[in-house]
Amino acid sequence: ASTSHGNSLRQLLEQHTVVKVKFNTRPFDNSLDVAFTKLRTLAEDSGAPAGIEMLQARSSDKVILFGQPGTLQRIKDNEFPPPPKSP
């Protein structure tokens, strides 16, 4: 992972509350936890707020769901995802 990956995650999280990222885990010791920590650090180093959250990790798909800080609490409080808009 490079600085540009962290910058991209920062930009996506500025536009969206949640971002799904698929990884090749080999460079991260085949660990989604290591991949999450590395990409979160790169995003925070490029200006993202501290506390980016791992909402879900699926080892079988090598996918991590990243969330803006506070998203886990918003999910627990039934504030996220927002209800569908009425027609």
N, C-alpha and C. Protein backbone atom coordinates (compact mmCIF):
# COMPACT_ATOMS: atom_id res chain seq x y z
N ALA A 1 0.84 -1.18 0.00
CA ALA A 1 0.00 0.00 0.00
C ALA A 1 0.88 1.24 0.00
N SER A 2 0.40 2.26 -0.66
CA SER A 2 1.19 3.48 -0.78
C SER A 2 0.40 4.68 -0.27
N THR A 3 1.06 5.82 -0.24
CA THR A 3 0.42 7.06 0.18
C THR A 3 -0.82 7.35 -0.65
N SER A 4 -0.75 7.05 -1.94
CA SER A 4 -1.90 7.33 -2.81
C SER A 4 -3.11 6.48 -2.42
N HIS A 5 -2.89 5.25 -1.94
CA HIS A 5 -4.00 4.43 -1.47
C HIS A 5 -4.66 5.06 -0.24
N GLY A 6 -3.83 5.53 0.68
CA GLY A 6 -4.36 6.20 1.87
C GLY A 6 -5.11 7.46 1.52
N ASN A 7 -4.59 8.22 0.57
CA ASN A 7 -5.25 9.44 0.13
C ASN A 7 -6.60 9.12 -0.53
N SER A 8 -6.63 8.05 -1.32
CA SER A 8 -7.89 7.64 -1.96
C SER A 8 -8.93 7.24 -0.92
N LEU A 9 -8.52 6.48 0.09
CA LEU A 9 -9.46 6.09 1.14
C LEU A 9 -9.97 7.33 1.88
N ARG A 10 -9.08 8.26 2.17
CA ARG A 10 -9.49 9.51 2.83
C ARG A 10 -10.55 10.23 2.00
N GLN A 11 -10.31 10.36 0.71
CA GLN A 11 -11.24 11.07 -0.17
C GLN A 11 -12.59 10.34 -0.24
N LEU A 12 -12.55 9.02 -0.34
CA LEU A 12 -13.80 8.26 -0.41
C LEU A 12 -14.59 8.36 0.88
N LEU A 13 -13.91 8.32 2.03
CA LEU A 13 -14.61 8.44 3.30
C LEU A 13 -15.16 9.85 3.52
N GLU A 14 -14.56 10.86 2.88
CA GLU A 14 -15.12 12.21 2.95
C GLU A 14 -16.44 12.27 2.19
N GLN A 15 -16.58 11.46 1.15
CA GLN A 15 -17.77 11.48 0.31
C GLN A 15 -18.82 10.46 0.74
N HIS A 16 -18.38 9.39 1.39
CA HIS A 16 -19.26 8.28 1.78
C HIS A 16 -18.98 7.90 3.22
N THR A 17 -19.97 7.45 3.92
CA THR A 17 -19.79 7.04 5.31
C THR A 17 -19.03 5.72 5.40
N VAL A 18 -19.26 4.84 4.43
CA VAL A 18 -18.69 3.50 4.43
C VAL A 18 -18.05 3.22 3.07
N VAL A 19 -16.88 2.55 3.09
CA VAL A 19 -16.17 2.20 1.87
C VAL A 19 -15.72 0.75 1.97
N LYS A 20 -15.99 -0.04 0.93
CA LYS A 20 -15.56 -1.44 0.88
C LYS A 20 -14.28 -1.52 0.05
N VAL A 21 -13.27 -2.21 0.61
CA VAL A 21 -11.98 -2.34 -0.07
C VAL A 21 -11.61 -3.81 -0.13
N LYS A 22 -11.26 -4.28 -1.33
CA LYS A 22 -10.79 -5.65 -1.52
C LYS A 22 -9.26 -5.63 -1.56
N PHE A 23 -8.65 -6.58 -0.87
CA PHE A 23 -7.20 -6.61 -0.71
C PHE A 23 -6.58 -7.85 -1.31
N ASN A 24 -5.35 -7.70 -1.77
CA ASN A 24 -4.43 -8.81 -1.94
C ASN A 24 -3.68 -8.85 -0.61
N THR A 25 -3.93 -9.84 0.19
CA THR A 25 -3.39 -9.84 1.56
C THR A 25 -1.94 -10.32 1.65
N ARG A 26 -1.37 -10.83 0.58
CA ARG A 26 0.02 -11.32 0.65
C ARG A 26 1.00 -10.28 1.18
N PRO A 27 0.93 -9.03 0.72
CA PRO A 27 1.88 -8.04 1.26
C PRO A 27 1.63 -7.69 2.73
N PHE A 28 0.52 -8.17 3.28
CA PHE A 28 0.16 -7.85 4.67
C PHE A 28 0.17 -9.10 5.54
N ASP A 29 1.11 -10.00 5.27
CA ASP A 29 1.22 -11.26 6.02
C ASP A 29 -0.08 -12.04 6.01
N ASN A 30 -0.84 -11.94 4.91
CA ASN A 30 -2.12 -12.63 4.76
C ASN A 30 -3.10 -12.30 5.88
N SER A 31 -3.04 -11.07 6.37
CA SER A 31 -3.88 -10.66 7.49
C SER A 31 -4.69 -9.41 7.12
N LEU A 32 -6.01 -9.52 7.25
CA LEU A 32 -6.84 -8.34 7.02
C LEU A 32 -6.66 -7.31 8.13
N ASP A 33 -6.32 -7.77 9.34
CA ASP A 33 -6.06 -6.83 10.43
C ASP A 33 -4.84 -5.96 10.12
N VAL A 34 -3.79 -6.58 9.60
CA VAL A 34 -2.59 -5.83 9.24
C VAL A 34 -2.91 -4.87 8.09
N ALA A 35 -3.67 -5.35 7.10
CA ALA A 35 -4.05 -4.51 5.96
C ALA A 35 -4.86 -3.31 6.43
N PHE A 36 -5.82 -3.54 7.33
CA PHE A 36 -6.64 -2.45 7.86
C PHE A 36 -5.77 -1.41 8.56
N THR A 37 -4.90 -1.86 9.43
CA THR A 37 -4.05 -0.93 10.19
C THR A 37 -3.18 -0.11 9.26
N LYS A 38 -2.60 -0.75 8.26
CA LYS A 38 -1.72 -0.04 7.32
C LYS A 38 -2.49 1.01 6.53
N LEU A 39 -3.66 0.63 5.97
CA LEU A 39 -4.40 1.58 5.15
C LEU A 39 -5.01 2.69 6.00
N ARG A 40 -5.46 2.36 7.20
CA ARG A 40 -5.99 3.40 8.10
C ARG A 40 -4.89 4.41 8.43
N THR A 41 -3.69 3.94 8.73
CA THR A 41 -2.57 4.83 9.03
C THR A 41 -2.24 5.72 7.84
N LEU A 42 -2.21 5.14 6.64
CA LEU A 42 -1.93 5.93 5.44
C LEU A 42 -3.00 6.99 5.22
N ALA A 43 -4.27 6.63 5.45
CA ALA A 43 -5.36 7.60 5.27
C ALA A 43 -5.25 8.72 6.29
N GLU A 44 -4.98 8.37 7.55
CA GLU A 44 -4.85 9.39 8.59
C GLU A 44 -3.64 10.28 8.34
N ASP A 45 -2.55 9.69 7.83
CA ASP A 45 -1.36 10.49 7.50
C ASP A 45 -1.64 11.49 6.37
N SER A 46 -2.64 11.17 5.53
CA SER A 46 -2.97 12.09 4.43
C SER A 46 -4.09 13.06 4.80
N GLY A 47 -4.48 13.08 6.09
CA GLY A 47 -5.42 14.08 6.54
C GLY A 47 -6.79 13.58 6.98
N ALA A 48 -7.02 12.28 6.93
CA ALA A 48 -8.30 11.74 7.41
C ALA A 48 -8.36 11.87 8.92
N PRO A 49 -9.57 12.00 9.48
CA PRO A 49 -9.68 12.09 10.94
C PRO A 49 -9.24 10.78 11.59
N ALA A 50 -8.68 10.87 12.77
CA ALA A 50 -8.27 9.68 13.51
C ALA A 50 -9.49 8.87 13.89
N GLY A 51 -9.34 7.58 13.92
CA GLY A 51 -10.42 6.72 14.38
C GLY A 51 -11.23 6.06 13.29
N ILE A 52 -10.69 5.96 12.08
CA ILE A 52 -11.38 5.21 11.03
C ILE A 52 -11.64 3.81 11.57
N GLU A 53 -12.84 3.30 11.31
CA GLU A 53 -13.27 2.04 11.92
C GLU A 53 -13.34 0.89 10.92
N MET A 54 -13.07 -0.31 11.43
CA MET A 54 -13.31 -1.52 10.65
C MET A 54 -14.71 -1.99 11.02
N LEU A 55 -15.64 -1.86 10.09
CA LEU A 55 -17.02 -2.25 10.34
C LEU A 55 -17.21 -3.74 10.15
N GLN A 56 -16.48 -4.30 9.19
CA GLN A 56 -16.59 -5.73 8.91
C GLN A 56 -15.36 -6.15 8.13
N ALA A 57 -14.93 -7.39 8.37
CA ALA A 57 -13.85 -7.99 7.59
C ALA A 57 -14.30 -9.39 7.19
N ARG A 58 -14.22 -9.68 5.91
CA ARG A 58 -14.59 -11.01 5.41
C ARG A 58 -13.35 -11.65 4.81
N SER A 59 -12.79 -12.58 5.56
CA SER A 59 -11.56 -13.24 5.12
C SER A 59 -11.75 -14.01 3.82
N SER A 60 -12.91 -14.64 3.66
CA SER A 60 -13.13 -15.44 2.46
C SER A 60 -13.09 -14.59 1.19
N ASP A 61 -13.54 -13.34 1.29
CA ASP A 61 -13.54 -12.44 0.13
C ASP A 61 -12.37 -11.47 0.14
N LYS A 62 -11.61 -11.46 1.26
CA LYS A 62 -10.50 -10.51 1.44
C LYS A 62 -10.98 -9.07 1.31
N VAL A 63 -12.09 -8.78 2.00
CA VAL A 63 -12.75 -7.48 1.92
C VAL A 63 -12.86 -6.89 3.32
N ILE A 64 -12.60 -5.59 3.40
CA ILE A 64 -12.80 -4.84 4.64
C ILE A 64 -13.78 -3.71 4.35
N LEU A 65 -14.71 -3.52 5.27
CA LEU A 65 -15.63 -2.40 5.22
C LEU A 65 -15.11 -1.34 6.19
N PHE A 66 -14.63 -0.22 5.63
CA PHE A 66 -14.11 0.90 6.42
C PHE A 66 -15.25 1.86 6.69
N GLY A 67 -15.22 2.49 7.86
CA GLY A 67 -16.23 3.48 8.17
C GLY A 67 -15.63 4.73 8.77
N GLN A 68 -16.31 5.85 8.57
CA GLN A 68 -15.89 7.09 9.20
C GLN A 68 -15.91 6.90 10.72
N PRO A 69 -15.11 7.66 11.45
CA PRO A 69 -15.15 7.57 12.90
C PRO A 69 -16.58 7.77 13.43
N GLY A 70 -17.00 6.90 14.33
CA GLY A 70 -18.32 6.99 14.92
C GLY A 70 -19.40 6.18 14.23
N THR A 71 -19.07 5.55 13.12
CA THR A 71 -20.07 4.81 12.36
C THR A 71 -20.58 3.60 13.15
N LEU A 72 -19.71 2.88 13.85
CA LEU A 72 -20.16 1.73 14.63
C LEU A 72 -21.22 2.14 15.66
N GLN A 73 -21.02 3.26 16.32
CA GLN A 73 -22.00 3.74 17.29
C GLN A 73 -23.30 4.14 16.61
N ARG A 74 -23.20 4.76 15.45
CA ARG A 74 -24.40 5.14 14.70
C ARG A 74 -25.20 3.91 14.30
N ILE A 75 -24.51 2.81 13.95
CA ILE A 75 -25.18 1.56 13.61
C ILE A 75 -25.90 1.02 14.84
N LYS A 76 -25.20 1.00 15.99
CA LYS A 76 -25.80 0.51 17.23
C LYS A 76 -27.01 1.34 17.64
N ASP A 77 -26.98 2.64 17.37
CA ASP A 77 -28.08 3.54 17.72
C ASP A 77 -29.18 3.58 16.65
N ASN A 78 -29.07 2.70 15.64
CA ASN A 78 -30.04 2.64 14.53
C ASN A 78 -30.14 3.96 13.77
N GLU A 79 -29.03 4.69 13.71
CA GLU A 79 -28.98 5.92 12.94
C GLU A 79 -28.36 5.72 11.56
N PHE A 80 -27.78 4.55 11.35
CA PHE A 80 -27.14 4.24 10.07
C PHE A 80 -27.39 2.79 9.77
N PRO A 81 -27.73 2.43 8.55
CA PRO A 81 -27.94 3.33 7.42
C PRO A 81 -29.23 4.12 7.59
N PRO A 82 -29.29 5.27 6.93
CA PRO A 82 -30.51 6.07 7.05
C PRO A 82 -31.69 5.33 6.43
N PRO A 83 -32.90 5.62 6.91
CA PRO A 83 -34.08 4.96 6.31
C PRO A 83 -34.26 5.39 4.87
N PRO A 84 -34.90 4.54 4.08
CA PRO A 84 -35.14 4.93 2.67
C PRO A 84 -36.03 6.16 2.61
N LYS A 85 -35.81 6.96 1.59
CA LYS A 85 -36.62 8.15 1.39
C LYS A 85 -38.02 7.74 0.93
N SER A 86 -39.00 8.46 1.43
CA SER A 86 -40.39 8.20 1.03
C SER A 86 -40.60 8.67 -0.41
N PRO A 87 -41.45 7.95 -1.17
CA PRO A 87 -41.70 8.37 -2.57
C PRO A 87 -42.49 9.64 -2.67
